[in-house]
Amino acid sequence: MKQEQKKIIVVDDNNANLTACKNILKPHYEVYPAPTVDKMFDLLKHIMPDLILLDVNMPDINGYEAAGRLKKDDDYKDIPVIFLSGRVDPKSEMFGLNMGALDYIHKPFVSELLLRRLEIHLALIDSRKILEKQNKVFYEIRAPLNEILDMLDTVTEADDPAKIKECLTKVNGASRELLVLINNTLDVS
């Protein structure tokens, strides 16, 4: 089974840079070129990318402003951004990283290094998503487990056979719910 390609939006106002980047990435990713920030936001209405490569120096809206707009929008705030820039000063790079960018890649970039850095970042993003899903499952497991423990505490203190039966019925239901969650987790793993 072929794995679905990751989607990357590349935003650069320089057509030569945009074409070069698209040609480097196209064999490995679904690439959506955008010559302006407005075009990037138009694309975002139709696709949810795994990553945005964003040029810093653009005439109308620079990359920093564009990243700020992305971070303020609930629909787009979690899209990872990597800045592309001809700026090589540490102050610019730190500014971009402090804005929440994953990386700051200097232009002109080396094709092999660009591909490798994207591969690493996308793998880290996937790993983070897996951990978030696992954490969610563990939280889902806690509810029925807490219910089981509460009912068992009640049963140990109860003298009424009807109350004991009611608690054991709830323990049975919560145990089955817990088993389903565990089986689903194991199936996904």
Protein backbone atom coordinates (compact mmCIF):
# COMPACT_ATOMS: atom_id res chain seq x y z
CA MET A 1 0.00 0.00 0.00
CA LYS A 2 1.46 3.36 -1.07
CA GLN A 3 1.67 5.99 1.64
CA GLU A 4 -0.07 9.29 0.91
CA GLN A 5 2.36 12.07 0.05
CA LYS A 6 2.73 14.97 2.45
CA LYS A 7 1.35 18.31 1.27
CA ILE A 8 3.65 21.32 1.30
CA ILE A 9 2.77 24.90 0.39
CA VAL A 10 5.78 26.89 -0.83
CA VAL A 11 5.38 30.67 -0.65
CA ASP A 12 7.93 32.83 -2.47
CA ASP A 13 7.45 35.96 -4.56
CA ASN A 14 10.52 35.14 -6.69
CA ASN A 15 9.31 32.91 -9.51
CA ALA A 16 12.74 31.33 -10.06
CA ASN A 17 12.98 30.35 -6.38
CA LEU A 18 9.39 29.10 -6.38
CA THR A 19 9.97 26.94 -9.47
CA ALA A 20 13.30 25.59 -8.17
CA CYS A 21 11.79 24.66 -4.83
CA LYS A 22 8.76 23.06 -6.50
CA ASN A 23 11.01 20.99 -8.79
CA ILE A 24 13.14 19.79 -5.87
CA LEU A 25 10.15 18.78 -3.75
CA LYS A 26 7.75 17.46 -6.42
CA PRO A 27 9.20 13.91 -6.61
CA HIS A 28 8.68 13.49 -2.85
CA TYR A 29 5.71 15.64 -1.87
CA GLU A 30 2.50 17.19 -3.13
CA VAL A 31 3.68 20.75 -3.73
CA TYR A 32 1.43 23.80 -3.89
CA PRO A 33 3.33 26.91 -5.05
CA ALA A 34 2.08 30.32 -3.96
CA PRO A 35 3.70 33.53 -5.27
CA THR A 36 1.98 35.66 -2.57
CA VAL A 37 0.67 35.34 0.96
CA ASP A 38 -2.84 36.00 -0.36
CA LYS A 39 -2.48 33.02 -2.72
CA MET A 40 -1.30 30.91 0.25
CA PHE A 41 -4.47 31.79 2.18
CA ASP A 42 -6.55 30.98 -0.92
CA LEU A 43 -4.89 27.55 -1.08
CA LEU A 44 -5.57 27.00 2.62
CA LYS A 45 -9.30 27.21 1.90
CA HIS A 46 -8.98 24.02 -0.18
CA ILE A 47 -6.12 22.01 1.31
CA MET A 48 -4.62 21.49 4.75
CA PRO A 49 -0.85 21.20 4.26
CA ASP A 50 1.49 19.23 6.46
CA LEU A 51 4.00 22.08 6.24
CA ILE A 52 4.42 25.59 4.85
CA LEU A 53 7.76 26.83 3.48
CA LEU A 54 7.49 30.59 3.77
CA ASP A 55 9.80 33.20 2.27
CA VAL A 56 10.59 36.01 4.69
CA ASN A 57 11.20 38.86 2.23
CA MET A 58 8.09 39.54 0.19
CA PRO A 59 6.75 42.90 -0.99
CA ASP A 60 3.15 43.14 0.29
CA ILE A 61 3.12 40.97 3.40
CA ASN A 62 6.42 39.57 4.66
CA GLY A 63 6.79 36.03 5.94
CA TYR A 64 6.85 37.08 9.58
CA GLU A 65 3.51 38.88 9.23
CA ALA A 66 2.07 35.91 7.35
CA ALA A 67 3.21 33.51 10.07
CA GLY A 68 1.64 35.79 12.66
CA ARG A 69 -1.68 35.68 10.80
CA LEU A 70 -1.49 31.88 10.62
CA LYS A 71 -0.83 31.59 14.37
CA LYS A 72 -3.81 33.83 15.19
CA ASP A 73 -6.25 31.74 13.13
CA ASP A 74 -7.63 28.66 14.93
CA ASP A 75 -7.92 26.78 11.61
CA TYR A 76 -4.27 27.32 10.69
CA LYS A 77 -2.36 27.89 13.95
CA ASP A 78 -1.06 24.31 14.13
CA ILE A 79 0.34 24.20 10.60
CA PRO A 80 4.13 23.94 10.92
CA VAL A 81 6.09 26.72 9.22
CA ILE A 82 9.69 26.79 8.04
CA PHE A 83 11.08 30.13 6.92
CA LEU A 84 13.13 30.41 3.74
CA SER A 85 15.29 33.50 3.54
CA GLY A 86 18.28 35.15 2.00
CA ARG A 87 18.82 36.86 5.35
CA VAL A 88 21.71 35.18 7.10
CA ASP A 89 21.97 37.31 10.22
CA PRO A 90 21.36 35.51 13.53
CA LYS A 91 18.89 38.20 14.69
CA SER A 92 16.51 37.48 11.79
CA GLU A 93 16.84 33.75 12.31
CA MET A 94 16.16 34.01 16.06
CA PHE A 95 13.16 36.25 15.37
CA GLY A 96 11.67 33.62 13.04
CA LEU A 97 12.33 30.75 15.42
CA ASN A 98 10.90 32.73 18.34
CA MET A 99 7.73 33.21 16.29
CA GLY A 100 7.30 29.45 16.41
CA ALA A 101 8.88 28.41 13.11
CA LEU A 102 10.32 24.90 13.04
CA ASP A 103 13.40 25.99 11.17
CA TYR A 104 14.99 28.83 9.22
CA ILE A 105 16.59 27.73 5.97
CA HIS A 106 18.95 30.07 4.16
CA LYS A 107 18.73 30.69 0.42
CA PRO A 108 20.19 29.64 -1.83
CA PHE A 109 19.61 26.21 -0.32
CA VAL A 110 21.23 22.92 -1.23
CA SER A 111 18.61 20.51 -2.61
CA GLU A 112 19.75 17.46 -0.64
CA LEU A 113 19.92 19.41 2.62
CA LEU A 114 16.47 20.92 2.07
CA LEU A 115 14.97 17.49 1.41
CA ARG A 116 16.68 15.94 4.42
CA ARG A 117 15.61 18.73 6.76
CA LEU A 118 12.01 18.46 5.56
CA GLU A 119 12.11 14.68 6.00
CA ILE A 120 13.35 15.07 9.58
CA HIS A 121 10.81 17.76 10.48
CA LEU A 122 7.90 15.84 8.95
CA ALA A 123 8.94 12.68 10.82
CA LEU A 124 9.06 14.65 14.08
CA ILE A 125 5.62 16.12 13.35
CA ASP A 126 4.23 12.62 12.74
CA SER A 127 5.80 11.35 15.97
CA ARG A 128 4.25 14.22 17.93
CA LYS A 129 0.81 13.43 16.45
CA ILE A 130 1.17 9.77 17.45
CA LEU A 131 2.10 10.76 21.01
CA GLU A 132 -0.89 13.13 21.20
CA LYS A 133 -3.21 10.32 20.07
CA GLN A 134 -1.73 7.93 22.63
CA ASN A 135 -2.13 10.51 25.39
CA LYS A 136 -5.77 10.95 24.38
CA VAL A 137 -6.29 7.18 24.61
CA PHE A 138 -4.71 7.07 28.07
CA TYR A 139 -7.08 9.81 29.23
CA GLU A 140 -10.00 7.83 27.78
CA ILE A 141 -8.82 4.75 29.68
CA ARG A 142 -8.67 6.63 32.98
CA ALA A 143 -12.43 7.33 33.11
CA PRO A 144 -13.66 3.71 33.13
CA LEU A 145 -10.76 2.66 35.35
CA ASN A 146 -11.65 5.33 37.90
CA GLU A 147 -15.28 4.22 37.72
CA ILE A 148 -14.24 0.61 38.39
CA LEU A 149 -12.15 1.64 41.40
CA ASP A 150 -14.95 3.82 42.80
CA MET A 151 -17.49 1.01 42.46
CA LEU A 152 -15.13 -1.50 44.08
CA ASP A 153 -14.65 0.89 47.02
CA THR A 154 -18.43 1.15 47.31
CA VAL A 155 -18.84 -2.65 47.16
CA THR A 156 -16.29 -3.24 49.93
CA GLU A 157 -18.22 -0.89 52.21
CA ALA A 158 -21.75 -2.00 51.24
CA ASP A 159 -23.93 -4.44 53.19
CA ASP A 160 -26.95 -4.25 50.90
CA PRO A 161 -26.95 -7.10 48.31
CA ALA A 162 -28.93 -4.93 45.85
CA LYS A 163 -26.33 -2.14 46.12
CA ILE A 164 -23.50 -4.66 45.68
CA LYS A 165 -25.20 -6.11 42.58
CA GLU A 166 -25.72 -2.60 41.13
CA CYS A 167 -22.05 -1.72 41.69
CA LEU A 168 -20.82 -4.99 40.20
CA THR A 169 -23.02 -4.41 37.13
CA LYS A 170 -21.39 -0.96 36.71
CA VAL A 171 -17.94 -2.51 37.21
CA ASN A 172 -18.76 -5.07 34.53
CA GLY A 173 -19.84 -2.33 32.07
CA ALA A 174 -16.83 -0.13 32.77
CA SER A 175 -14.49 -3.14 32.48
CA ARG A 176 -15.92 -4.01 29.07
CA GLU A 177 -15.57 -0.37 27.97
CA LEU A 178 -11.97 -0.41 29.16
CA LEU A 179 -11.29 -3.66 27.30
CA VAL A 180 -12.65 -2.14 24.07
CA LEU A 181 -10.37 0.90 24.47
CA ILE A 182 -7.34 -1.29 25.13
CA ASN A 183 -8.12 -3.60 22.19
CA ASN A 184 -8.56 -0.60 19.88
CA THR A 185 -5.24 0.83 21.07
CA LEU A 186 -3.47 -2.45 20.47
CA ASP A 187 -5.05 -2.79 17.03
CA VAL A 188 -3.80 0.67 16.04
CA SER A 189 -0.32 -0.10 17.35
